[in-house]
Amino acid sequence: MIQVESDTGEEWDSRIGWTDLARDAVLSAVRCSDLSGLADGGPSLEISVKFTSDEEVRALNAAYRNKDKSTNVLSFPMIDTGLLHDLADARVGELLLGDVVLAHGICSTEAAEKGVAVETHASHLVVHGTLHLLGYDHEEGEDEAEAMEKVEREALAAIGISDPYALTEAQI
């Protein structure tokens, strides 16, 4: 079982169900990953999703990654991802998998540039951040990036969001 806790800053439109969005995106990411056993049978997992300001993300990025700039999403794994495959087979226990943090301004700007709703792009970023908590990486090489993007596409399709990597005719 996976429990998703979320916290939404005042920058984020309060009319949107960010808590449900976070839960749906996290569960879909886990179910479409190579660790899908964690979704329904492994130990009880908790993932925290925080929707916050660019300034807070910048401060976290500076403090924990030595990068004094904001970014769209940060992931903070609490478990060595090398242990996750063994944990998927465990039937008991409770684990805090980690935190996913989204920056409002950057998310909004990127959504506008892509021509999608902020909640659509935020779902993509939550899926992306969750996959990082599960050990996926896109910076270690092209094969890893392609594998991560494949899972992102599947997870987003499962919650009704079209492929964010598809090229439009205008981009070709």
Protein backbone atom coordinates (compact mmCIF):
# COMPACT_ATOMS: atom_id res chain seq x y z
CA MET A 1 0.00 0.00 0.00
CA ILE A 2 1.19 3.49 -0.80
CA GLN A 3 0.18 6.53 1.18
CA VAL A 4 0.69 9.89 -0.49
CA GLU A 5 0.87 12.96 1.72
CA SER A 6 0.75 16.36 0.09
CA ASP A 7 1.20 19.96 1.08
CA THR A 8 0.12 22.81 -1.18
CA GLY A 9 1.47 26.33 -0.93
CA GLU A 10 -0.66 29.41 -1.46
CA GLU A 11 0.83 29.97 -4.94
CA TRP A 12 -1.03 26.93 -6.27
CA ASP A 13 -4.66 27.40 -7.38
CA SER A 14 -6.78 26.17 -4.47
CA ARG A 15 -9.63 25.20 -6.83
CA ILE A 16 -7.54 22.31 -8.18
CA GLY A 17 -7.40 19.02 -6.29
CA TRP A 18 -3.64 18.84 -5.83
CA THR A 19 -3.95 16.08 -3.21
CA ASP A 20 -5.81 13.80 -5.62
CA LEU A 21 -3.47 14.74 -8.47
CA ALA A 22 -0.43 13.82 -6.35
CA ARG A 23 -1.95 10.49 -5.28
CA ASP A 24 -2.98 9.51 -8.81
CA ALA A 25 0.38 10.45 -10.33
CA VAL A 26 2.43 8.68 -7.65
CA LEU A 27 0.37 5.48 -7.81
CA SER A 28 0.48 5.41 -11.59
CA ALA A 29 4.25 5.93 -11.63
CA VAL A 30 4.82 3.09 -9.17
CA ARG A 31 2.38 0.72 -10.94
CA CYS A 32 4.02 1.32 -14.33
CA SER A 33 7.58 1.00 -13.00
CA ASP A 34 9.68 -2.13 -12.73
CA LEU A 35 8.84 -1.96 -8.99
CA SER A 36 5.08 -2.30 -9.47
CA GLY A 37 5.02 -4.84 -6.61
CA LEU A 38 5.46 -1.93 -4.24
CA ALA A 39 2.05 -0.56 -5.23
CA ASP A 40 -0.06 -3.45 -4.04
CA GLY A 41 1.91 -5.97 -2.08
CA GLY A 42 5.14 -4.82 -0.56
CA PRO A 43 5.65 -2.86 2.64
CA SER A 44 3.51 0.16 3.37
CA LEU A 45 5.18 3.13 1.69
CA GLU A 46 4.77 6.84 2.17
CA ILE A 47 5.66 9.48 -0.39
CA SER A 48 5.35 13.18 0.31
CA VAL A 49 4.56 15.64 -2.48
CA LYS A 50 4.98 19.35 -1.81
CA PHE A 51 3.64 22.00 -4.17
CA THR A 52 5.59 25.12 -3.25
CA SER A 53 7.29 28.29 -4.50
CA ASP A 54 10.28 28.70 -6.78
CA GLU A 55 12.08 30.36 -3.88
CA GLU A 56 11.68 27.34 -1.60
CA VAL A 57 12.81 24.96 -4.34
CA ARG A 58 15.82 27.18 -4.98
CA ALA A 59 16.72 27.09 -1.27
CA LEU A 60 16.36 23.29 -1.17
CA ASN A 61 18.39 22.90 -4.36
CA ALA A 62 21.15 25.09 -2.90
CA ALA A 63 21.15 23.34 0.48
CA TYR A 64 21.02 19.73 -0.73
CA ARG A 65 22.45 19.78 -4.25
CA ASN A 66 24.79 22.81 -4.12
CA LYS A 67 22.93 24.36 -7.08
CA ASP A 68 21.81 27.89 -6.27
CA LYS A 69 18.93 28.00 -8.73
CA SER A 70 15.34 26.90 -8.89
CA THR A 71 14.24 23.89 -10.90
CA ASN A 72 10.85 22.43 -11.78
CA VAL A 73 10.97 19.36 -9.52
CA LEU A 74 13.27 17.91 -6.87
CA SER A 75 13.24 14.39 -5.48
CA PHE A 76 14.69 13.39 -2.13
CA PRO A 77 14.92 9.59 -1.78
CA MET A 78 14.97 8.30 1.78
CA ILE A 79 15.92 4.73 0.85
CA ASP A 80 18.89 3.42 -1.07
CA THR A 81 17.25 2.65 -4.41
CA GLY A 82 19.42 -0.45 -4.75
CA LEU A 83 17.37 -2.01 -1.94
CA LEU A 84 13.96 -1.37 -3.47
CA HIS A 85 13.74 -4.60 -5.48
CA ASP A 86 14.26 -6.62 -2.28
CA LEU A 87 11.72 -4.48 -0.45
CA ALA A 88 9.09 -5.08 -3.15
CA ASP A 89 9.03 -8.74 -2.04
CA ALA A 90 8.64 -7.87 1.65
CA ARG A 91 5.14 -8.22 3.03
CA VAL A 92 5.49 -6.18 6.20
CA GLY A 93 6.92 -2.92 7.37
CA GLU A 94 6.51 0.76 6.77
CA LEU A 95 8.91 2.93 4.82
CA LEU A 96 9.18 6.58 3.93
CA LEU A 97 10.21 6.37 0.28
CA GLY A 98 10.94 10.07 -0.06
CA ASP A 99 9.78 13.55 -1.02
CA VAL A 100 8.90 15.17 -4.33
CA VAL A 101 8.86 18.99 -4.43
CA LEU A 102 7.45 21.10 -7.29
CA ALA A 103 8.14 24.79 -7.99
CA HIS A 104 5.00 26.71 -8.91
CA GLY A 105 6.43 29.43 -11.16
CA ILE A 106 8.59 27.11 -13.20
CA CYS A 107 5.81 24.52 -13.51
CA SER A 108 3.37 27.22 -14.67
CA THR A 109 5.82 28.71 -17.17
CA GLU A 110 6.70 25.30 -18.62
CA ALA A 111 3.01 24.36 -18.88
CA ALA A 112 2.29 27.57 -20.82
CA GLU A 113 5.26 26.93 -23.13
CA LYS A 114 3.98 23.40 -23.81
CA GLY A 115 0.40 24.57 -24.25
CA VAL A 116 -0.94 22.33 -21.49
CA ALA A 117 -2.80 22.96 -18.25
CA VAL A 118 -0.69 23.49 -15.14
CA GLU A 119 -2.23 20.40 -13.54
CA THR A 120 -1.26 18.29 -16.58
CA HIS A 121 2.36 19.39 -16.35
CA ALA A 122 2.35 19.03 -12.56
CA SER A 123 1.15 15.42 -12.96
CA HIS A 124 4.07 14.79 -15.31
CA LEU A 125 6.51 16.30 -12.83
CA VAL A 126 5.10 14.22 -9.94
CA VAL A 127 5.43 11.06 -12.06
CA HIS A 128 8.98 12.10 -13.00
CA GLY A 129 9.93 12.84 -9.40
CA THR A 130 8.43 9.58 -8.16
CA LEU A 131 10.44 7.63 -10.72
CA HIS A 132 13.58 9.27 -9.36
CA LEU A 133 12.59 7.99 -5.89
CA LEU A 134 12.37 4.52 -7.45
CA GLY A 135 15.89 4.75 -8.84
CA TYR A 136 15.22 5.88 -12.41
CA ASP A 137 17.69 8.37 -13.83
CA HIS A 138 17.91 10.32 -17.08
CA GLU A 139 21.35 11.84 -16.58
CA GLU A 140 23.42 8.64 -16.61
CA GLY A 141 23.01 7.95 -20.31
CA GLU A 142 20.66 7.78 -23.26
CA ASP A 143 19.44 4.24 -22.50
CA GLU A 144 18.46 5.21 -18.95
CA ALA A 145 16.75 8.38 -20.18
CA GLU A 146 14.75 6.42 -22.76
CA ALA A 147 13.73 3.81 -20.16
CA MET A 148 12.56 6.53 -17.78
CA GLU A 149 10.63 8.35 -20.52
CA LYS A 150 8.93 5.09 -21.52
CA VAL A 151 7.65 4.56 -17.98
CA GLU A 152 6.61 8.22 -17.77
CA ARG A 153 4.56 7.84 -20.97
CA GLU A 154 2.86 4.69 -19.64
CA ALA A 155 2.13 6.21 -16.24
CA LEU A 156 0.70 9.39 -17.73
CA ALA A 157 -1.42 7.47 -20.26
CA ALA A 158 -2.83 5.42 -17.37
CA ILE A 159 -4.19 8.64 -15.82
CA GLY A 160 -5.43 10.06 -19.12
CA ILE A 161 -2.52 12.35 -20.05
CA SER A 162 -1.05 12.22 -23.54
CA ASP A 163 2.63 11.71 -24.31
CA PRO A 164 4.54 14.84 -23.20
CA TYR A 165 7.46 13.86 -25.42
CA ALA A 166 5.51 13.53 -28.68
CA LEU A 167 6.60 15.97 -31.31
CA THR A 168 3.89 18.08 -32.86
CA GLU A 169 3.93 18.79 -36.59
CA ALA A 170 5.09 22.32 -35.80
CA GLN A 171 8.17 20.94 -34.02
CA ILE A 172 9.19 18.59 -36.86
